[in-house]
């Protein structure tokens, strides 16, 4: 088995959490905004109890197909066609929530916080919240990113994204009563976007 077969196209920062034992066997994992399940191949293969939601029926169908091959004992209803803010999973039922390249699709502050709180509610006390999202950190003086309104920006790609900043992420960390597992880490992608990793622990 080669590495792609074993790990799929897993985000390198999710992989880092695996290496450090923050995501470990026996944990229940929810991928909120899962897409086709790029971060779930290894977890499915290794027997984790996995749950996922995405607004795209096509993406969820693909993930169900992958899961039926790698983890045939998992119920298909674990993978749901739902928005992040409208997820129907019960509260406090998973040990890890993954949100990878999802939050910058928020329409405004209210939508961003609705998604955040929906994910936070599903997390058990002591659980891990892993979020990778686009931000303005490192782009503060970049004229390629055009402000639209509030925290919405026109990106060089032509897409409109909601970009968080350090002050917002730290404020929300405090409001959630959460603990930062790592300092905020931001990757600048050649001046056209910045991706920030925001990892929190929910107090027990």
Foldseek 3Di string as FASTA:
>chain_A
DDPCQQQPQADVVLVVCVVVVLDDPPFEEEEAQQFLPRRCNNVLQVPHNYAYEHLDPVSLVNNLVSSCVRHVVHDSVSYYNDHLLGDPDAFQDGQEYEYEADLFAQPAPVSSVSNVVSRNRNHHAQHKYKHKYWACVVQPPQPQWADDDHQWTQFVVRDITRHHYPVVLVVVCVVQVWDFPDPWDWDCDVNRIIMIITMTTHHD
